[in-house]
Amino acid sequence: MASINNRGFANLLILPLVALIIAGFFVLFQSKFKNTTSESLGKITPQIKNEVSLSIIGSELLAEGKVTSKEQDPYSNDSQSSLDLTLTSGQLVKVIIPSKDSLCDAKGIMDSYNLTRVNENVEVFGKITRKNEITLCDSQKYYLKILPS
């Protein structure tokens, strides 16, 4: 009968141990990848237009609505500008925009704001920061877009 020498015995222990470690990394990577993907999709895919509670703070909102009022001189203060919208669902929402483009991660927001007029239809994508209030500046993906009449 053949006997296993010390080197052969070590190989018998090491190979299954290495296989177990590799399998563990694979399972860990797979679960990490699934979580990251679903989180990313949740952030990329905004909530359905106008079918969201505007009281879910931290949620993203993609909505269409009509501008009912606009702060006429956003440069008169150093903090923020705002638009009031009536969404197509009838909900009222205040859109908050810093009065300086440099304070906003989403580039071009002030240009869009300056072009927006009362009674125009717009589409907004932003983050709900307070009940019935959203900001468009917490992410580069947020925007304000004037819709064709």
C-alpha atoms as a PDB file:
ATOM      1  CA  MET A   1       0.000   0.000   0.000  1.00  0.00           C
ATOM      2  CA  ALA A   2       1.327   3.398  -0.907  1.00  0.00           C
ATOM      3  CA  SER A   3       1.848   5.876   1.856  1.00  0.00           C
ATOM      4  CA  ILE A   4       1.256   9.588   1.591  1.00  0.00           C
ATOM      5  CA  ASN A   5       4.358  11.602   2.311  1.00  0.00           C
ATOM      6  CA  ASN A   6       4.257  14.989   4.022  1.00  0.00           C
ATOM      7  CA  ARG A   7       4.235  16.898   0.734  1.00  0.00           C
ATOM      8  CA  GLY A   8       1.345  14.879  -0.683  1.00  0.00           C
ATOM      9  CA  PHE A   9      -0.619  15.319   2.544  1.00  0.00           C
ATOM     10  CA  ALA A  10      -0.120  19.090   2.410  1.00  0.00           C
ATOM     11  CA  ASN A  11      -1.339  19.155  -1.200  1.00  0.00           C
ATOM     12  CA  LEU A  12      -4.469  17.249  -0.193  1.00  0.00           C
ATOM     13  CA  LEU A  13      -5.262  19.918   2.405  1.00  0.00           C
ATOM     14  CA  ILE A  14      -4.248  23.000   0.424  1.00  0.00           C
ATOM     15  CA  LEU A  15      -6.121  22.293  -2.817  1.00  0.00           C
ATOM     16  CA  PRO A  16      -9.599  22.027  -1.217  1.00  0.00           C
ATOM     17  CA  LEU A  17      -8.825  25.054   0.961  1.00  0.00           C
ATOM     18  CA  VAL A  18      -7.871  27.143  -2.099  1.00  0.00           C
ATOM     19  CA  ALA A  19     -11.003  25.951  -3.930  1.00  0.00           C
ATOM     20  CA  LEU A  20     -13.133  26.944  -0.921  1.00  0.00           C
ATOM     21  CA  ILE A  21     -11.563  30.416  -0.787  1.00  0.00           C
ATOM     22  CA  ILE A  22     -12.105  30.944  -4.527  1.00  0.00           C
ATOM     23  CA  ALA A  23     -15.739  29.826  -4.212  1.00  0.00           C
ATOM     24  CA  GLY A  24     -16.206  32.230  -1.290  1.00  0.00           C
ATOM     25  CA  PHE A  25     -14.855  35.157  -3.308  1.00  0.00           C
ATOM     26  CA  PHE A  26     -17.118  34.205  -6.208  1.00  0.00           C
ATOM     27  CA  VAL A  27     -20.218  34.161  -3.967  1.00  0.00           C
ATOM     28  CA  LEU A  28     -19.207  37.454  -2.322  1.00  0.00           C
ATOM     29  CA  PHE A  29     -18.527  39.118  -5.676  1.00  0.00           C
ATOM     30  CA  GLN A  30     -21.791  37.855  -7.130  1.00  0.00           C
ATOM     31  CA  SER A  31     -23.865  39.151  -4.206  1.00  0.00           C
ATOM     32  CA  LYS A  32     -22.027  42.492  -4.245  1.00  0.00           C
ATOM     33  CA  PHE A  33     -22.575  42.798  -7.983  1.00  0.00           C
ATOM     34  CA  LYS A  34     -26.307  42.052  -7.690  1.00  0.00           C
ATOM     35  CA  ASN A  35     -26.770  44.632  -4.906  1.00  0.00           C
ATOM     36  CA  THR A  36     -24.815  47.284  -6.766  1.00  0.00           C
ATOM     37  CA  THR A  37     -26.727  46.651  -9.972  1.00  0.00           C
ATOM     38  CA  SER A  38     -30.146  46.879  -8.351  1.00  0.00           C
ATOM     39  CA  GLU A  39     -29.127  50.002  -6.429  1.00  0.00           C
ATOM     40  CA  SER A  40     -27.782  51.588  -9.601  1.00  0.00           C
ATOM     41  CA  LEU A  41     -30.926  50.743 -11.527  1.00  0.00           C
ATOM     42  CA  GLY A  42     -33.016  52.245  -8.753  1.00  0.00           C
ATOM     43  CA  LYS A  43     -31.037  55.463  -8.995  1.00  0.00           C
ATOM     44  CA  ILE A  44     -31.007  55.557 -12.777  1.00  0.00           C
ATOM     45  CA  THR A  45     -34.677  54.720 -13.199  1.00  0.00           C
ATOM     46  CA  PRO A  46     -36.714  57.555 -11.688  1.00  0.00           C
ATOM     47  CA  GLN A  47     -40.152  57.023 -10.257  1.00  0.00           C
ATOM     48  CA  ILE A  48     -43.028  57.009 -12.730  1.00  0.00           C
ATOM     49  CA  LYS A  49     -44.116  60.486 -13.742  1.00  0.00           C
ATOM     50  CA  ASN A  50     -46.598  62.093 -11.365  1.00  0.00           C
ATOM     51  CA  GLU A  51     -47.453  58.862  -9.561  1.00  0.00           C
ATOM     52  CA  VAL A  52     -45.372  59.498  -6.476  1.00  0.00           C
ATOM     53  CA  SER A  53     -46.064  60.833  -3.037  1.00  0.00           C
ATOM     54  CA  LEU A  54     -44.249  64.128  -2.740  1.00  0.00           C
ATOM     55  CA  SER A  55     -43.764  63.428   0.961  1.00  0.00           C
ATOM     56  CA  ILE A  56     -41.242  60.586   0.481  1.00  0.00           C
ATOM     57  CA  ILE A  57     -38.154  62.610   1.312  1.00  0.00           C
ATOM     58  CA  GLY A  58     -34.996  61.418  -0.431  1.00  0.00           C
ATOM     59  CA  SER A  59     -36.896  59.874  -3.357  1.00  0.00           C
ATOM     60  CA  GLU A  60     -36.280  60.956  -6.909  1.00  0.00           C
ATOM     61  CA  LEU A  61     -39.091  62.486  -8.909  1.00  0.00           C
ATOM     62  CA  LEU A  62     -39.531  62.689 -12.670  1.00  0.00           C
ATOM     63  CA  ALA A  63     -42.571  64.819 -13.436  1.00  0.00           C
ATOM     64  CA  GLU A  64     -44.215  67.083 -15.970  1.00  0.00           C
ATOM     65  CA  GLY A  65     -46.106  70.183 -15.035  1.00  0.00           C
ATOM     66  CA  LYS A  66     -46.995  73.786 -15.755  1.00  0.00           C
ATOM     67  CA  VAL A  67     -45.007  76.647 -14.252  1.00  0.00           C
ATOM     68  CA  THR A  68     -47.456  78.609 -12.099  1.00  0.00           C
ATOM     69  CA  SER A  69     -44.959  81.092 -10.646  1.00  0.00           C
ATOM     70  CA  LYS A  70     -41.288  81.929 -10.919  1.00  0.00           C
ATOM     71  CA  GLU A  71     -39.028  84.014  -8.758  1.00  0.00           C
ATOM     72  CA  GLN A  72     -38.376  86.900 -11.106  1.00  0.00           C
ATOM     73  CA  ASP A  73     -34.948  87.962  -9.824  1.00  0.00           C
ATOM     74  CA  PRO A  74     -33.017  84.917  -8.614  1.00  0.00           C
ATOM     75  CA  TYR A  75     -29.868  86.979  -8.270  1.00  0.00           C
ATOM     76  CA  SER A  76     -31.397  89.257  -5.631  1.00  0.00           C
ATOM     77  CA  ASN A  77     -30.433  86.798  -2.901  1.00  0.00           C
ATOM     78  CA  ASP A  78     -27.486  84.473  -2.446  1.00  0.00           C
ATOM     79  CA  SER A  79     -29.353  81.370  -1.458  1.00  0.00           C
ATOM     80  CA  GLN A  80     -31.858  79.999  -3.967  1.00  0.00           C
ATOM     81  CA  SER A  81     -34.382  80.504  -6.714  1.00  0.00           C
ATOM     82  CA  SER A  82     -37.622  78.638  -7.149  1.00  0.00           C
ATOM     83  CA  LEU A  83     -40.351  77.630  -9.571  1.00  0.00           C
ATOM     84  CA  ASP A  84     -43.828  76.582  -8.530  1.00  0.00           C
ATOM     85  CA  LEU A  85     -45.300  73.820 -10.673  1.00  0.00           C
ATOM     86  CA  THR A  86     -48.699  72.261 -10.951  1.00  0.00           C
ATOM     87  CA  LEU A  87     -48.025  68.706 -12.054  1.00  0.00           C
ATOM     88  CA  THR A  88     -50.260  67.017 -14.606  1.00  0.00           C
ATOM     89  CA  SER A  89     -51.601  64.974 -11.669  1.00  0.00           C
ATOM     90  CA  GLY A  90     -52.757  68.216  -9.997  1.00  0.00           C
ATOM     91  CA  GLN A  91     -50.122  68.108  -7.248  1.00  0.00           C
ATOM     92  CA  LEU A  92     -48.256  71.298  -6.418  1.00  0.00           C
ATOM     93  CA  VAL A  93     -44.484  71.243  -6.117  1.00  0.00           C
ATOM     94  CA  LYS A  94     -41.817  73.848  -5.486  1.00  0.00           C
ATOM     95  CA  VAL A  95     -38.597  73.380  -7.460  1.00  0.00           C
ATOM     96  CA  ILE A  96     -35.585  74.771  -5.600  1.00  0.00           C
ATOM     97  CA  ILE A  97     -32.519  75.915  -7.552  1.00  0.00           C
ATOM     98  CA  PRO A  98     -29.427  77.635  -6.107  1.00  0.00           C
ATOM     99  CA  SER A  99     -29.065  81.170  -7.421  1.00  0.00           C
ATOM    100  CA  LYS A 100     -25.518  80.406  -8.581  1.00  0.00           C
ATOM    101  CA  ASP A 101     -24.710  77.737 -11.150  1.00  0.00           C
ATOM    102  CA  SER A 102     -21.481  76.942  -9.289  1.00  0.00           C
ATOM    103  CA  LEU A 103     -23.542  75.681  -6.325  1.00  0.00           C
ATOM    104  CA  CYS A 104     -25.294  73.080  -8.481  1.00  0.00           C
ATOM    105  CA  ASP A 105     -23.937  69.659  -9.512  1.00  0.00           C
ATOM    106  CA  ALA A 106     -26.354  69.570 -12.469  1.00  0.00           C
ATOM    107  CA  LYS A 107     -24.817  71.873 -15.052  1.00  0.00           C
ATOM    108  CA  GLY A 108     -27.017  74.183 -17.103  1.00  0.00           C
ATOM    109  CA  ILE A 109     -29.825  74.380 -14.555  1.00  0.00           C
ATOM    110  CA  MET A 110     -29.623  78.187 -14.308  1.00  0.00           C
ATOM    111  CA  ASP A 111     -29.719  78.492 -18.112  1.00  0.00           C
ATOM    112  CA  SER A 112     -32.898  76.395 -18.202  1.00  0.00           C
ATOM    113  CA  TYR A 113     -34.322  78.356 -15.281  1.00  0.00           C
ATOM    114  CA  ASN A 114     -33.639  81.687 -17.005  1.00  0.00           C
ATOM    115  CA  LEU A 115     -35.423  80.502 -20.179  1.00  0.00           C
ATOM    116  CA  THR A 116     -38.469  79.185 -18.311  1.00  0.00           C
ATOM    117  CA  ARG A 117     -41.641  81.307 -18.347  1.00  0.00           C
ATOM    118  CA  VAL A 118     -44.877  81.148 -16.365  1.00  0.00           C
ATOM    119  CA  ASN A 119     -47.506  78.899 -18.034  1.00  0.00           C
ATOM    120  CA  GLU A 120     -44.856  76.853 -19.858  1.00  0.00           C
ATOM    121  CA  ASN A 121     -44.857  73.095 -19.545  1.00  0.00           C
ATOM    122  CA  VAL A 122     -41.669  71.640 -18.137  1.00  0.00           C
ATOM    123  CA  GLU A 123     -40.210  68.309 -17.159  1.00  0.00           C
ATOM    124  CA  VAL A 124     -38.149  68.079 -13.987  1.00  0.00           C
ATOM    125  CA  PHE A 125     -36.018  65.322 -12.545  1.00  0.00           C
ATOM    126  CA  GLY A 126     -34.778  65.883  -9.022  1.00  0.00           C
ATOM    127  CA  LYS A 127     -34.732  64.782  -5.420  1.00  0.00           C
ATOM    128  CA  ILE A 128     -37.546  65.351  -2.932  1.00  0.00           C
ATOM    129  CA  THR A 129     -36.003  67.298  -0.049  1.00  0.00           C
ATOM    130  CA  ARG A 130     -39.162  68.325   1.827  1.00  0.00           C
ATOM    131  CA  LYS A 131     -42.837  67.595   1.416  1.00  0.00           C
ATOM    132  CA  ASN A 132     -43.883  69.022  -1.993  1.00  0.00           C
ATOM    133  CA  GLU A 133     -40.390  70.389  -2.655  1.00  0.00           C
ATOM    134  CA  ILE A 134     -37.584  69.107  -4.876  1.00  0.00           C
ATOM    135  CA  THR A 135     -34.068  70.187  -5.691  1.00  0.00           C
ATOM    136  CA  LEU A 136     -32.389  69.748  -9.047  1.00  0.00           C
ATOM    137  CA  CYS A 137     -28.820  70.236  -7.883  1.00  0.00           C
ATOM    138  CA  ASP A 138     -27.848  67.214  -5.798  1.00  0.00           C
ATOM    139  CA  SER A 139     -26.779  65.169  -8.831  1.00  0.00           C
ATOM    140  CA  GLN A 140     -25.399  65.729 -12.324  1.00  0.00           C
ATOM    141  CA  LYS A 141     -28.255  63.646 -13.728  1.00  0.00           C
ATOM    142  CA  TYR A 142     -30.995  66.035 -12.504  1.00  0.00           C
ATOM    143  CA  TYR A 143     -32.493  68.547 -14.917  1.00  0.00           C
ATOM    144  CA  LEU A 144     -35.138  71.078 -15.838  1.00  0.00           C
ATOM    145  CA  LYS A 145     -36.376  70.854 -19.429  1.00  0.00           C
ATOM    146  CA  ILE A 146     -38.852  73.116 -21.209  1.00  0.00           C
ATOM    147  CA  LEU A 147     -41.348  71.031 -23.189  1.00  0.00           C
ATOM    148  CA  PRO A 148     -42.668  72.025 -26.600  1.00  0.00           C
ATOM    149  CA  SER A 149     -46.102  73.638 -26.521  1.00  0.00           C
END
